[in-house]
PDB file of N, CA and C in Angstrom:
ATOM      1  N   MET A   1     -89.566 -17.147 -24.194  1.00  0.00           N
ATOM      2  CA  MET A   1     -91.009 -17.171 -24.431  1.00  0.00           C
ATOM      3  C   MET A   1     -91.356 -18.433 -25.224  1.00  0.00           C
ATOM      4  N   PRO A   2     -92.456 -19.065 -24.877  1.00  0.00           N
ATOM      5  CA  PRO A   2     -92.876 -20.245 -25.641  1.00  0.00           C
ATOM      6  C   PRO A   2     -93.400 -19.836 -27.010  1.00  0.00           C
ATOM      7  N   ASP A   3     -93.343 -20.777 -27.937  1.00  0.00           N
ATOM      8  CA  ASP A   3     -93.907 -20.530 -29.260  1.00  0.00           C
ATOM      9  C   ASP A   3     -95.413 -20.419 -29.146  1.00  0.00           C
ATOM     10  N   PRO A   4     -96.052 -19.662 -30.049  1.00  0.00           N
ATOM     11  CA  PRO A   4     -97.518 -19.570 -30.012  1.00  0.00           C
ATOM     12  C   PRO A   4     -98.134 -20.961 -30.133  1.00  0.00           C
ATOM     13  N   GLY A   5     -99.155 -21.214 -29.330  1.00  0.00           N
ATOM     14  CA  GLY A   5     -99.825 -22.510 -29.368  1.00  0.00           C
ATOM     15  C   GLY A   5     -99.204 -23.541 -28.436  1.00  0.00           C
ATOM     16  N   GLU A   6     -98.004 -23.253 -27.883  1.00  0.00           N
ATOM     17  CA  GLU A   6     -97.383 -24.173 -26.949  1.00  0.00           C
ATOM     18  C   GLU A   6     -97.952 -23.976 -25.560  1.00  0.00           C
ATOM     19  N   ASN A   7     -98.004 -25.043 -24.804  1.00  0.00           N
ATOM     20  CA  ASN A   7     -98.384 -24.963 -23.401  1.00  0.00           C
ATOM     21  C   ASN A   7     -97.115 -25.179 -22.584  1.00  0.00           C
ATOM     22  N   PRO A   8     -96.493 -24.104 -22.134  1.00  0.00           N
ATOM     23  CA  PRO A   8     -95.220 -24.271 -21.422  1.00  0.00           C
ATOM     24  C   PRO A   8     -95.407 -24.984 -20.092  1.00  0.00           C
ATOM     25  N   ILE A   9     -94.374 -25.713 -19.703  1.00  0.00           N
ATOM     26  CA  ILE A   9     -94.348 -26.383 -18.415  1.00  0.00           C
ATOM     27  C   ILE A   9     -93.323 -25.643 -17.566  1.00  0.00           C
ATOM     28  N   PHE A  10     -93.763 -25.167 -16.389  1.00  0.00           N
ATOM     29  CA  PHE A  10     -92.902 -24.359 -15.544  1.00  0.00           C
ATOM     30  C   PHE A  10     -92.274 -25.201 -14.443  1.00  0.00           C
ATOM     31  N   LEU A  11     -91.043 -24.843 -14.071  1.00  0.00           N
ATOM     32  CA  LEU A  11     -90.400 -25.431 -12.917  1.00  0.00           C
ATOM     33  C   LEU A  11     -91.215 -25.006 -11.701  1.00  0.00           C
ATOM     34  N   PRO A  12     -91.708 -25.942 -10.904  1.00  0.00           N
ATOM     35  CA  PRO A  12     -92.601 -25.589  -9.798  1.00  0.00           C
ATOM     36  C   PRO A  12     -92.034 -24.480  -8.911  1.00  0.00           C
ATOM     37  N   GLY A  13     -92.893 -23.508  -8.610  1.00  0.00           N
ATOM     38  CA  GLY A  13     -92.517 -22.406  -7.747  1.00  0.00           C
ATOM     39  C   GLY A  13     -91.697 -21.318  -8.413  1.00  0.00           C
ATOM     40  N   THR A  14     -91.536 -21.396  -9.742  1.00  0.00           N
ATOM     41  CA  THR A  14     -90.742 -20.393 -10.459  1.00  0.00           C
ATOM     42  C   THR A  14     -91.483 -19.987 -11.733  1.00  0.00           C
ATOM     43  N   ASN A  15     -90.901 -19.034 -12.457  1.00  0.00           N
ATOM     44  CA  ASN A  15     -91.423 -18.692 -13.780  1.00  0.00           C
ATOM     45  C   ASN A  15     -90.493 -19.203 -14.868  1.00  0.00           C
ATOM     46  N   GLN A  16     -89.634 -20.197 -14.536  1.00  0.00           N
ATOM     47  CA  GLN A  16     -88.726 -20.792 -15.504  1.00  0.00           C
ATOM     48  C   GLN A  16     -89.443 -21.897 -16.277  1.00  0.00           C
ATOM     49  N   ILE A  17     -89.352 -21.821 -17.600  1.00  0.00           N
ATOM     50  CA  ILE A  17     -89.973 -22.832 -18.460  1.00  0.00           C
ATOM     51  C   ILE A  17     -88.999 -23.998 -18.644  1.00  0.00           C
ATOM     52  N   ILE A  18     -89.511 -25.212 -18.485  1.00  0.00           N
ATOM     53  CA  ILE A  18     -88.700 -26.412 -18.716  1.00  0.00           C
ATOM     54  C   ILE A  18     -88.796 -26.743 -20.201  1.00  0.00           C
ATOM     55  N   SER A  19     -87.641 -26.809 -20.865  1.00  0.00           N
ATOM     56  CA  SER A  19     -87.701 -27.098 -22.292  1.00  0.00           C
ATOM     57  C   SER A  19     -86.966 -28.375 -22.674  1.00  0.00           C
ATOM     58  N   ASP A  20     -86.002 -28.797 -21.882  1.00  0.00           N
ATOM     59  CA  ASP A  20     -85.260 -30.021 -22.166  1.00  0.00           C
ATOM     60  C   ASP A  20     -84.934 -30.707 -20.843  1.00  0.00           C
ATOM     61  N   ILE A  21     -84.810 -32.025 -20.885  1.00  0.00           N
ATOM     62  CA  ILE A  21     -84.433 -32.795 -19.704  1.00  0.00           C
ATOM     63  C   ILE A  21     -83.343 -33.776 -20.124  1.00  0.00           C
ATOM     64  N   VAL A  22     -82.324 -33.903 -19.284  1.00  0.00           N
ATOM     65  CA  VAL A  22     -81.273 -34.898 -19.502  1.00  0.00           C
ATOM     66  C   VAL A  22     -81.277 -35.823 -18.295  1.00  0.00           C
ATOM     67  N   PHE A  23     -81.507 -37.129 -18.534  1.00  0.00           N
ATOM     68  CA  PHE A  23     -81.473 -38.133 -17.485  1.00  0.00           C
ATOM     69  C   PHE A  23     -80.148 -38.888 -17.574  1.00  0.00           C
ATOM     70  N   SER A  24     -79.519 -39.116 -16.425  1.00  0.00           N
ATOM     71  CA  SER A  24     -78.287 -39.899 -16.367  1.00  0.00           C
ATOM     72  C   SER A  24     -78.571 -41.209 -15.661  1.00  0.00           C
ATOM     73  N   TYR A  25     -78.082 -42.290 -16.233  1.00  0.00           N
ATOM     74  CA  TYR A  25     -78.265 -43.607 -15.632  1.00  0.00           C
ATOM     75  C   TYR A  25     -76.949 -44.189 -15.131  1.00  0.00           C
ATOM     76  N   PHE A  26     -75.928 -43.343 -14.967  1.00  0.00           N
ATOM     77  CA  PHE A  26     -74.638 -43.843 -14.521  1.00  0.00           C
ATOM     78  C   PHE A  26     -74.631 -44.147 -13.028  1.00  0.00           C
ATOM     79  N   GLN A  27     -75.500 -43.494 -12.253  1.00  0.00           N
ATOM     80  CA  GLN A  27     -75.514 -43.701 -10.811  1.00  0.00           C
ATOM     81  C   GLN A  27     -76.385 -44.886 -10.398  1.00  0.00           C
ATOM     82  N   ASN A  28     -77.116 -45.470 -11.328  1.00  0.00           N
ATOM     83  CA  ASN A  28     -77.985 -46.599 -11.010  1.00  0.00           C
ATOM     84  C   ASN A  28     -77.702 -47.747 -11.975  1.00  0.00           C
ATOM     85  N   PRO A  29     -76.705 -48.584 -11.660  1.00  0.00           N
ATOM     86  CA  PRO A  29     -76.327 -49.664 -12.577  1.00  0.00           C
ATOM     87  C   PRO A  29     -77.462 -50.639 -12.876  1.00  0.00           C
ATOM     88  N   ALA A  30     -78.472 -50.708 -12.018  1.00  0.00           N
ATOM     89  CA  ALA A  30     -79.586 -51.638 -12.255  1.00  0.00           C
ATOM     90  C   ALA A  30     -80.357 -51.257 -13.522  1.00  0.00           C
ATOM     91  N   VAL A  31     -80.334 -49.987 -13.883  1.00  0.00           N
ATOM     92  CA  VAL A  31     -81.059 -49.510 -15.067  1.00  0.00           C
ATOM     93  C   VAL A  31     -80.180 -49.593 -16.310  1.00  0.00           C
ATOM     94  N   GLY A  32     -78.898 -49.778 -16.127  1.00  0.00           N
ATOM     95  CA  GLY A  32     -77.955 -49.722 -17.237  1.00  0.00           C
ATOM     96  C   GLY A  32     -77.231 -48.391 -17.176  1.00  0.00           C
ATOM     97  N   GLN A  33     -76.305 -48.180 -18.056  1.00  0.00           N
ATOM     98  CA  GLN A  33     -75.565 -46.927 -18.043  1.00  0.00           C
ATOM     99  C   GLN A  33     -75.844 -46.161 -19.323  1.00  0.00           C
ATOM    100  N   GLY A  34     -76.104 -44.871 -19.175  1.00  0.00           N
ATOM    101  CA  GLY A  34     -76.350 -44.061 -20.353  1.00  0.00           C
ATOM    102  C   GLY A  34     -77.000 -42.743 -20.012  1.00  0.00           C
ATOM    103  N   VAL A  35     -77.398 -42.061 -21.053  1.00  0.00           N
ATOM    104  CA  VAL A  35     -78.015 -40.741 -20.929  1.00  0.00           C
ATOM    105  C   VAL A  35     -79.212 -40.694 -21.858  1.00  0.00           C
ATOM    106  N   THR A  36     -80.294 -40.093 -21.382  1.00  0.00           N
ATOM    107  CA  THR A  36     -81.466 -39.858 -22.229  1.00  0.00           C
ATOM    108  C   THR A  36     -81.714 -38.359 -22.267  1.00  0.00           C
ATOM    109  N   PHE A  37     -81.840 -37.809 -23.470  1.00  0.00           N
ATOM    110  CA  PHE A  37     -82.141 -36.393 -23.660  1.00  0.00           C
ATOM    111  C   PHE A  37     -83.570 -36.293 -24.185  1.00  0.00           C
ATOM    112  N   VAL A  38     -84.409 -35.485 -23.511  1.00  0.00           N
ATOM    113  CA  VAL A  38     -85.802 -35.335 -23.929  1.00  0.00           C
ATOM    114  C   VAL A  38     -86.080 -33.852 -24.131  1.00  0.00           C
ATOM    115  N   SER A  39     -86.602 -33.495 -25.293  1.00  0.00           N
ATOM    116  CA  SER A  39     -86.921 -32.106 -25.608  1.00  0.00           C
ATOM    117  C   SER A  39     -88.422 -31.877 -25.479  1.00  0.00           C
ATOM    118  N   ASP A  40     -88.809 -30.605 -25.386  1.00  0.00           N
ATOM    119  CA  ASP A  40     -90.228 -30.278 -25.217  1.00  0.00           C
ATOM    120  C   ASP A  40     -91.068 -30.613 -26.441  1.00  0.00           C
ATOM    121  N   GLY A  41     -90.438 -31.020 -27.525  1.00  0.00           N
ATOM    122  CA  GLY A  41     -91.183 -31.467 -28.698  1.00  0.00           C
ATOM    123  C   GLY A  41     -91.711 -32.885 -28.556  1.00  0.00           C
ATOM    124  N   ASP A  42     -91.257 -33.606 -27.549  1.00  0.00           N
ATOM    125  CA  ASP A  42     -91.697 -34.984 -27.311  1.00  0.00           C
ATOM    126  C   ASP A  42     -93.164 -34.974 -26.884  1.00  0.00           C
ATOM    127  N   PRO A  43     -94.020 -35.792 -27.503  1.00  0.00           N
ATOM    128  CA  PRO A  43     -95.442 -35.794 -27.142  1.00  0.00           C
ATOM    129  C   PRO A  43     -95.701 -36.214 -25.692  1.00  0.00           C
ATOM    130  N   ASN A  44     -94.762 -36.924 -25.073  1.00  0.00           N
ATOM    131  CA  ASN A  44     -94.907 -37.355 -23.680  1.00  0.00           C
ATOM    132  C   ASN A  44     -94.083 -36.494 -22.727  1.00  0.00           C
ATOM    133  N   PHE A  45     -93.780 -35.262 -23.131  1.00  0.00           N
ATOM    134  CA  PHE A  45     -92.886 -34.413 -22.346  1.00  0.00           C
ATOM    135  C   PHE A  45     -93.394 -34.197 -20.920  1.00  0.00           C
ATOM    136  N   GLN A  46     -94.697 -34.006 -20.737  1.00  0.00           N
ATOM    137  CA  GLN A  46     -95.241 -33.793 -19.389  1.00  0.00           C
ATOM    138  C   GLN A  46     -94.934 -34.985 -18.488  1.00  0.00           C
ATOM    139  N   GLN A  47     -95.049 -36.205 -19.001  1.00  0.00           N
ATOM    140  CA  GLN A  47     -94.748 -37.387 -18.202  1.00  0.00           C
ATOM    141  C   GLN A  47     -93.257 -37.441 -17.851  1.00  0.00           C
ATOM    142  N   TRP A  48     -92.398 -37.059 -18.809  1.00  0.00           N
ATOM    143  CA  TRP A  48     -90.958 -37.010 -18.539  1.00  0.00           C
ATOM    144  C   TRP A  48     -90.661 -35.998 -17.435  1.00  0.00           C
ATOM    145  N   VAL A  49     -91.314 -34.831 -17.511  1.00  0.00           N
ATOM    146  CA  VAL A  49     -91.111 -33.796 -16.492  1.00  0.00           C
ATOM    147  C   VAL A  49     -91.561 -34.315 -15.127  1.00  0.00           C
ATOM    148  N   ASP A  50     -92.720 -34.942 -15.079  1.00  0.00           N
ATOM    149  CA  ASP A  50     -93.227 -35.482 -13.811  1.00  0.00           C
ATOM    150  C   ASP A  50     -92.229 -36.476 -13.211  1.00  0.00           C
ATOM    151  N   SER A  51     -91.635 -37.321 -14.052  1.00  0.00           N
ATOM    152  CA  SER A  51     -90.629 -38.283 -13.581  1.00  0.00           C
ATOM    153  C   SER A  51     -89.389 -37.563 -13.074  1.00  0.00           C
ATOM    154  N   ALA A  52     -88.942 -36.557 -13.830  1.00  0.00           N
ATOM    155  CA  ALA A  52     -87.720 -35.826 -13.467  1.00  0.00           C
ATOM    156  C   ALA A  52     -87.873 -35.093 -12.142  1.00  0.00           C
ATOM    157  N   LEU A  53     -89.052 -34.558 -11.880  1.00  0.00           N
ATOM    158  CA  LEU A  53     -89.258 -33.789 -10.659  1.00  0.00           C
ATOM    159  C   LEU A  53     -89.258 -34.668  -9.409  1.00  0.00           C
ATOM    160  N   GLN A  54     -89.314 -35.991  -9.586  1.00  0.00           N
ATOM    161  CA  GLN A  54     -89.252 -36.919  -8.454  1.00  0.00           C
ATOM    162  C   GLN A  54     -87.806 -37.234  -8.073  1.00  0.00           C
ATOM    163  N   LEU A  55     -86.863 -36.788  -8.897  1.00  0.00           N
ATOM    164  CA  LEU A  55     -85.446 -37.093  -8.704  1.00  0.00           C
ATOM    165  C   LEU A  55     -84.683 -35.824  -8.340  1.00  0.00           C
ATOM    166  N   PRO A  56     -83.478 -35.974  -7.744  1.00  0.00           N
ATOM    167  CA  PRO A  56     -82.636 -34.792  -7.562  1.00  0.00           C
ATOM    168  C   PRO A  56     -82.274 -34.241  -8.949  1.00  0.00           C
ATOM    169  N   PHE A  57     -82.261 -32.918  -9.102  1.00  0.00           N
ATOM    170  CA  PHE A  57     -81.981 -32.365 -10.423  1.00  0.00           C
ATOM    171  C   PHE A  57     -81.194 -31.069 -10.323  1.00  0.00           C
ATOM    172  N   HIS A  58     -80.607 -30.683 -11.458  1.00  0.00           N
ATOM    173  CA  HIS A  58     -79.889 -29.422 -11.617  1.00  0.00           C
ATOM    174  C   HIS A  58     -80.589 -28.629 -12.708  1.00  0.00           C
ATOM    175  N   VAL A  59     -80.560 -27.315 -12.588  1.00  0.00           N
ATOM    176  CA  VAL A  59     -81.142 -26.451 -13.612  1.00  0.00           C
ATOM    177  C   VAL A  59     -80.002 -25.816 -14.392  1.00  0.00           C
ATOM    178  N   LEU A  60     -80.081 -25.907 -15.699  1.00  0.00           N
ATOM    179  CA  LEU A  60     -79.088 -25.290 -16.572  1.00  0.00           C
ATOM    180  C   LEU A  60     -79.831 -24.364 -17.529  1.00  0.00           C
ATOM    181  N   PRO A  61     -79.631 -23.047 -17.403  1.00  0.00           N
ATOM    182  CA  PRO A  61     -80.327 -22.123 -18.310  1.00  0.00           C
ATOM    183  C   PRO A  61     -79.906 -22.360 -19.758  1.00  0.00           C
ATOM    184  N   GLU A  62     -80.849 -22.184 -20.679  1.00  0.00           N
ATOM    185  CA  GLU A  62     -80.535 -22.348 -22.097  1.00  0.00           C
ATOM    186  C   GLU A  62     -79.641 -21.219 -22.560  1.00  0.00           C
ATOM    187  N   SER A  63     -78.602 -21.578 -23.288  1.00  0.00           N
ATOM    188  CA  SER A  63     -77.678 -20.568 -23.792  1.00  0.00           C
ATOM    189  C   SER A  63     -77.653 -20.545 -25.318  1.00  0.00           C
ATOM    190  N   GLY A  64     -78.147 -21.603 -25.934  1.00  0.00           N
ATOM    191  CA  GLY A  64     -78.036 -21.716 -27.382  1.00  0.00           C
ATOM    192  C   GLY A  64     -76.680 -22.279 -27.789  1.00  0.00           C
ATOM    193  N   ASN A  65     -75.779 -22.437 -26.828  1.00  0.00           N
ATOM    194  CA  ASN A  65     -74.436 -22.960 -27.088  1.00  0.00           C
ATOM    195  C   ASN A  65     -74.373 -24.435 -26.725  1.00  0.00           C
ATOM    196  N   LEU A  66     -73.263 -25.051 -27.082  1.00  0.00           N
ATOM    197  CA  LEU A  66     -73.002 -26.424 -26.684  1.00  0.00           C
ATOM    198  C   LEU A  66     -72.540 -26.390 -25.233  1.00  0.00           C
ATOM    199  N   ASP A  67     -73.311 -26.995 -24.321  1.00  0.00           N
ATOM    200  CA  ASP A  67     -73.002 -26.958 -22.891  1.00  0.00           C
ATOM    201  C   ASP A  67     -72.543 -28.328 -22.410  1.00  0.00           C
ATOM    202  N   ASP A  68     -71.483 -28.332 -21.603  1.00  0.00           N
ATOM    203  CA  ASP A  68     -70.963 -29.556 -21.012  1.00  0.00           C
ATOM    204  C   ASP A  68     -71.777 -29.862 -19.751  1.00  0.00           C
ATOM    205  N   VAL A  69     -72.547 -30.934 -19.765  1.00  0.00           N
ATOM    206  CA  VAL A  69     -73.365 -31.313 -18.605  1.00  0.00           C
ATOM    207  C   VAL A  69     -72.736 -32.458 -17.822  1.00  0.00           C
ATOM    208  N   THR A  70     -71.539 -32.881 -18.203  1.00  0.00           N
ATOM    209  CA  THR A  70     -70.881 -34.007 -17.549  1.00  0.00           C
ATOM    210  C   THR A  70     -70.807 -33.854 -16.031  1.00  0.00           C
ATOM    211  N   PRO A  71     -70.370 -32.684 -15.503  1.00  0.00           N
ATOM    212  CA  PRO A  71     -70.260 -32.580 -14.039  1.00  0.00           C
ATOM    213  C   PRO A  71     -71.607 -32.686 -13.313  1.00  0.00           C
ATOM    214  N   LEU A  72     -72.691 -32.427 -14.004  1.00  0.00           N
ATOM    215  CA  LEU A  72     -74.011 -32.473 -13.372  1.00  0.00           C
ATOM    216  C   LEU A  72     -74.580 -33.883 -13.290  1.00  0.00           C
ATOM    217  N   LEU A  73     -74.001 -34.823 -14.020  1.00  0.00           N
ATOM    218  CA  LEU A  73     -74.578 -36.157 -14.143  1.00  0.00           C
ATOM    219  C   LEU A  73     -73.948 -37.200 -13.239  1.00  0.00           C
ATOM    220  N   GLY A  74     -73.012 -36.793 -12.405  1.00  0.00           N
ATOM    221  CA  GLY A  74     -72.354 -37.766 -11.543  1.00  0.00           C
ATOM    222  C   GLY A  74     -71.261 -38.480 -12.311  1.00  0.00           C
ATOM    223  N   PRO A  75     -70.836 -39.643 -11.812  1.00  0.00           N
ATOM    224  CA  PRO A  75     -69.727 -40.347 -12.473  1.00  0.00           C
ATOM    225  C   PRO A  75     -70.120 -40.828 -13.868  1.00  0.00           C
ATOM    226  N   THR A  76     -69.364 -40.374 -14.850  1.00  0.00           N
ATOM    227  CA  THR A  76     -69.559 -40.800 -16.247  1.00  0.00           C
ATOM    228  C   THR A  76     -68.207 -41.295 -16.737  1.00  0.00           C
ATOM    229  N   PRO A  77     -67.886 -42.547 -16.457  1.00  0.00           N
ATOM    230  CA  PRO A  77     -66.543 -43.066 -16.697  1.00  0.00           C
ATOM    231  C   PRO A  77     -66.053 -42.848 -18.123  1.00  0.00           C
ATOM    232  N   GLY A  78     -65.061 -41.955 -18.257  1.00  0.00           N
ATOM    233  CA  GLY A  78     -64.424 -41.728 -19.548  1.00  0.00           C
ATOM    234  C   GLY A  78     -65.263 -41.002 -20.574  1.00  0.00           C
ATOM    235  N   LEU A  79     -66.379 -40.407 -20.189  1.00  0.00           N
ATOM    236  CA  LEU A  79     -67.245 -39.734 -21.147  1.00  0.00           C
ATOM    237  C   LEU A  79     -67.364 -38.252 -20.847  1.00  0.00           C
ATOM    238  N   MET A  80     -67.558 -37.470 -21.899  1.00  0.00           N
ATOM    239  CA  MET A  80     -67.935 -36.075 -21.746  1.00  0.00           C
ATOM    240  C   MET A  80     -69.267 -35.936 -22.472  1.00  0.00           C
ATOM    241  N   ILE A  81     -70.266 -35.402 -21.781  1.00  0.00           N
ATOM    242  CA  ILE A  81     -71.612 -35.318 -22.347  1.00  0.00           C
ATOM    243  C   ILE A  81     -71.976 -33.850 -22.524  1.00  0.00           C
ATOM    244  N   GLN A  82     -72.291 -33.471 -23.762  1.00  0.00           N
ATOM    245  CA  GLN A  82     -72.640 -32.094 -24.082  1.00  0.00           C
ATOM    246  C   GLN A  82     -74.009 -32.071 -24.744  1.00  0.00           C
ATOM    247  N   VAL A  83     -74.776 -31.015 -24.465  1.00  0.00           N
ATOM    248  CA  VAL A  83     -76.071 -30.822 -25.107  1.00  0.00           C
ATOM    249  C   VAL A  83     -76.141 -29.401 -25.642  1.00  0.00           C
ATOM    250  N   GLN A  84     -76.889 -29.224 -26.706  1.00  0.00           N
ATOM    251  CA  GLN A  84     -77.093 -27.889 -27.252  1.00  0.00           C
ATOM    252  C   GLN A  84     -78.583 -27.584 -27.210  1.00  0.00           C
ATOM    253  N   SER A  85     -78.904 -26.518 -26.516  1.00  0.00           N
ATOM    254  CA  SER A  85     -80.298 -26.114 -26.391  1.00  0.00           C
ATOM    255  C   SER A  85     -80.694 -25.251 -27.579  1.00  0.00           C
ATOM    256  N   ASP A  86     -81.989 -24.974 -27.652  1.00  0.00           N
ATOM    257  CA  ASP A  86     -82.487 -24.081 -28.691  1.00  0.00           C
ATOM    258  C   ASP A  86     -81.835 -22.717 -28.530  1.00  0.00           C
ATOM    259  N   ALA A  87     -81.731 -21.997 -29.632  1.00  0.00           N
ATOM    260  CA  ALA A  87     -81.226 -20.630 -29.544  1.00  0.00           C
ATOM    261  C   ALA A  87     -82.200 -19.796 -28.717  1.00  0.00           C
ATOM    262  N   VAL A  88     -81.657 -18.951 -27.883  1.00  0.00           N
ATOM    263  CA  VAL A  88     -82.473 -18.135 -26.993  1.00  0.00           C
ATOM    264  C   VAL A  88     -82.395 -16.685 -27.429  1.00  0.00           C
ATOM    265  N   ILE A  89     -83.547 -16.055 -27.594  1.00  0.00           N
ATOM    266  CA  ILE A  89     -83.595 -14.625 -27.898  1.00  0.00           C
ATOM    267  C   ILE A  89     -84.163 -13.948 -26.666  1.00  0.00           C
ATOM    268  N   PRO A  90     -83.335 -13.206 -25.950  1.00  0.00           N
ATOM    269  CA  PRO A  90     -83.847 -12.559 -24.740  1.00  0.00           C
ATOM    270  C   PRO A  90     -84.980 -11.598 -25.054  1.00  0.00           C
ATOM    271  N   GLU A  91     -85.971 -11.554 -24.188  1.00  0.00           N
ATOM    272  CA  GLU A  91     -87.150 -10.711 -24.398  1.00  0.00           C
ATOM    273  C   GLU A  91     -86.810  -9.244 -24.625  1.00  0.00           C
ATOM    274  N   PRO A  92     -85.910  -8.616 -23.838  1.00  0.00           N
ATOM    275  CA  PRO A  92     -85.599  -7.202 -24.087  1.00  0.00           C
ATOM    276  C   PRO A  92     -85.047  -6.962 -25.497  1.00  0.00           C
ATOM    277  N   SER A  93     -84.250  -7.894 -25.989  1.00  0.00           N
ATOM    278  CA  SER A  93     -83.706  -7.745 -27.342  1.00  0.00           C
ATOM    279  C   SER A  93     -84.811  -7.813 -28.387  1.00  0.00           C
ATOM    280  N   THR A  94     -85.762  -8.705 -28.164  1.00  0.00           N
ATOM    281  CA  THR A  94     -86.883  -8.831 -29.092  1.00  0.00           C
ATOM    282  C   THR A  94     -87.683  -7.534 -29.133  1.00  0.00           C
ATOM    283  N   LEU A  95     -87.966  -6.975 -27.951  1.00  0.00           N
ATOM    284  CA  LEU A  95     -88.714  -5.716 -27.895  1.00  0.00           C
ATOM    285  C   LEU A  95     -87.943  -4.584 -28.573  1.00  0.00           C
ATOM    286  N   LEU A  96     -86.631  -4.546 -28.366  1.00  0.00           N
ATOM    287  CA  LEU A  96     -85.807  -3.519 -29.003  1.00  0.00           C
ATOM    288  C   LEU A  96     -85.846  -3.667 -30.525  1.00  0.00           C
ATOM    289  N   LEU A  97     -85.783  -4.888 -31.005  1.00  0.00           N
ATOM    290  CA  LEU A  97     -85.838  -5.148 -32.440  1.00  0.00           C
ATOM    291  C   LEU A  97     -87.173  -4.696 -33.028  1.00  0.00           C
ATOM    292  N   VAL A  98     -88.265  -5.034 -32.372  1.00  0.00           N
ATOM    293  CA  VAL A  98     -89.596  -4.616 -32.845  1.00  0.00           C
ATOM    294  C   VAL A  98     -89.712  -3.092 -32.820  1.00  0.00           C
ATOM    295  N   ALA A  99     -89.269  -2.484 -31.723  1.00  0.00           N
ATOM    296  CA  ALA A  99     -89.361  -1.021 -31.599  1.00  0.00           C
ATOM    297  C   ALA A  99     -88.542  -0.322 -32.681  1.00  0.00           C
ATOM    298  N   SER A 100     -87.330  -0.815 -32.947  1.00  0.00           N
ATOM    299  CA  SER A 100     -86.513  -0.172 -33.976  1.00  0.00           C
ATOM    300  C   SER A 100     -87.140  -0.347 -35.361  1.00  0.00           C
ATOM    301  N   GLY A 101     -87.789  -1.467 -35.598  1.00  0.00           N
ATOM    302  CA  GLY A 101     -88.487  -1.662 -36.871  1.00  0.00           C
ATOM    303  C   GLY A 101     -89.646  -0.692 -37.028  1.00  0.00           C
ATOM    304  N   LEU A 102     -90.402  -0.501 -35.937  1.00  0.00           N
ATOM    305  CA  LEU A 102     -91.517   0.450 -35.984  1.00  0.00           C
ATOM    306  C   LEU A 102     -91.029   1.878 -36.187  1.00  0.00           C
ATOM    307  N   VAL A 103     -89.923   2.238 -35.558  1.00  0.00           N
ATOM    308  CA  VAL A 103     -89.343   3.578 -35.756  1.00  0.00           C
ATOM    309  C   VAL A 103     -88.919   3.743 -37.210  1.00  0.00           C
ATOM    310  N   GLY A 104     -88.332   2.724 -37.786  1.00  0.00           N
ATOM    311  CA  GLY A 104     -87.924   2.780 -39.190  1.00  0.00           C
ATOM    312  C   GLY A 104     -89.107   2.941 -40.123  1.00  0.00           C
ATOM    313  N   ILE A 105     -90.174   2.213 -39.855  1.00  0.00           N
ATOM    314  CA  ILE A 105     -91.382   2.339 -40.671  1.00  0.00           C
ATOM    315  C   ILE A 105     -91.980   3.734 -40.558  1.00  0.00           C
ATOM    316  N   ALA A 106     -92.028   4.247 -39.325  1.00  0.00           N
ATOM    317  CA  ALA A 106     -92.579   5.600 -39.110  1.00  0.00           C
ATOM    318  C   ALA A 106     -91.722   6.640 -39.817  1.00  0.00           C
ATOM    319  N   ALA A 107     -90.393   6.494 -39.760  1.00  0.00           N
ATOM    320  CA  ALA A 107     -89.498   7.448 -40.434  1.00  0.00           C
ATOM    321  C   ALA A 107     -89.672   7.397 -41.937  1.00  0.00           C
ATOM    322  N   ALA A 108     -89.846   6.197 -42.491  1.00  0.00           N
ATOM    323  CA  ALA A 108     -90.038   6.070 -43.936  1.00  0.00           C
ATOM    324  C   ALA A 108     -91.353   6.705 -44.363  1.00  0.00           C
ATOM    325  N   ARG A 109     -92.407   6.501 -43.581  1.00  0.00           N
ATOM    326  CA  ARG A 109     -93.714   7.109 -43.900  1.00  0.00           C
ATOM    327  C   ARG A 109     -93.621   8.626 -43.843  1.00  0.00           C
ATOM    328  N   ARG A 110     -92.949   9.114 -42.822  1.00  0.00           N
ATOM    329  CA  ARG A 110     -92.834  10.572 -42.647  1.00  0.00           C
ATOM    330  C   ARG A 110     -92.050  11.189 -43.798  1.00  0.00           C
ATOM    331  N   GLN A 111     -91.037  10.483 -44.261  1.00  0.00           N
ATOM    332  CA  GLN A 111     -90.229  10.992 -45.364  1.00  0.00           C
ATOM    333  C   GLN A 111     -91.034  11.068 -46.650  1.00  0.00           C
ATOM    334  N   ARG A 112     -91.923  10.134 -46.863  1.00  0.00           N
ATOM    335  CA  ARG A 112     -92.764  10.121 -48.074  1.00  0.00           C
ATOM    336  C   ARG A 112     -93.769  11.283 -48.084  1.00  0.00           C
ATOM    337  N   SER A 113     -94.255  11.693 -46.901  1.00  0.00           N
ATOM    338  CA  SER A 113     -95.277  12.732 -46.820  1.00  0.00           C
ATOM    339  C   SER A 113     -94.741  14.112 -47.096  1.00  0.00           C
TER     340      SER A 113
END
């Protein structure tokens, strides 16, 4: 779920929110060699997304862990490239946490009465 006040950008045709983009420049020597990581906190994120959608891309779900993206970027001579996404709290877990808190509050109130 996006933070309150955020305007999420969705992967076209899906309900998946785009939160980070990794560009690889190893396949195009004319641009130089390297990697650019762009997060949704970037003020120009929409422009980055528009650029990325014009290129072949891979989708990697956020895990909150350090993920090896090297195989997705094509030839990266002698390099291993890893990115760590934001921690993800699955929606069902969030609802369970809220519900258990409300049950606890109700039980405490009932005990006082």
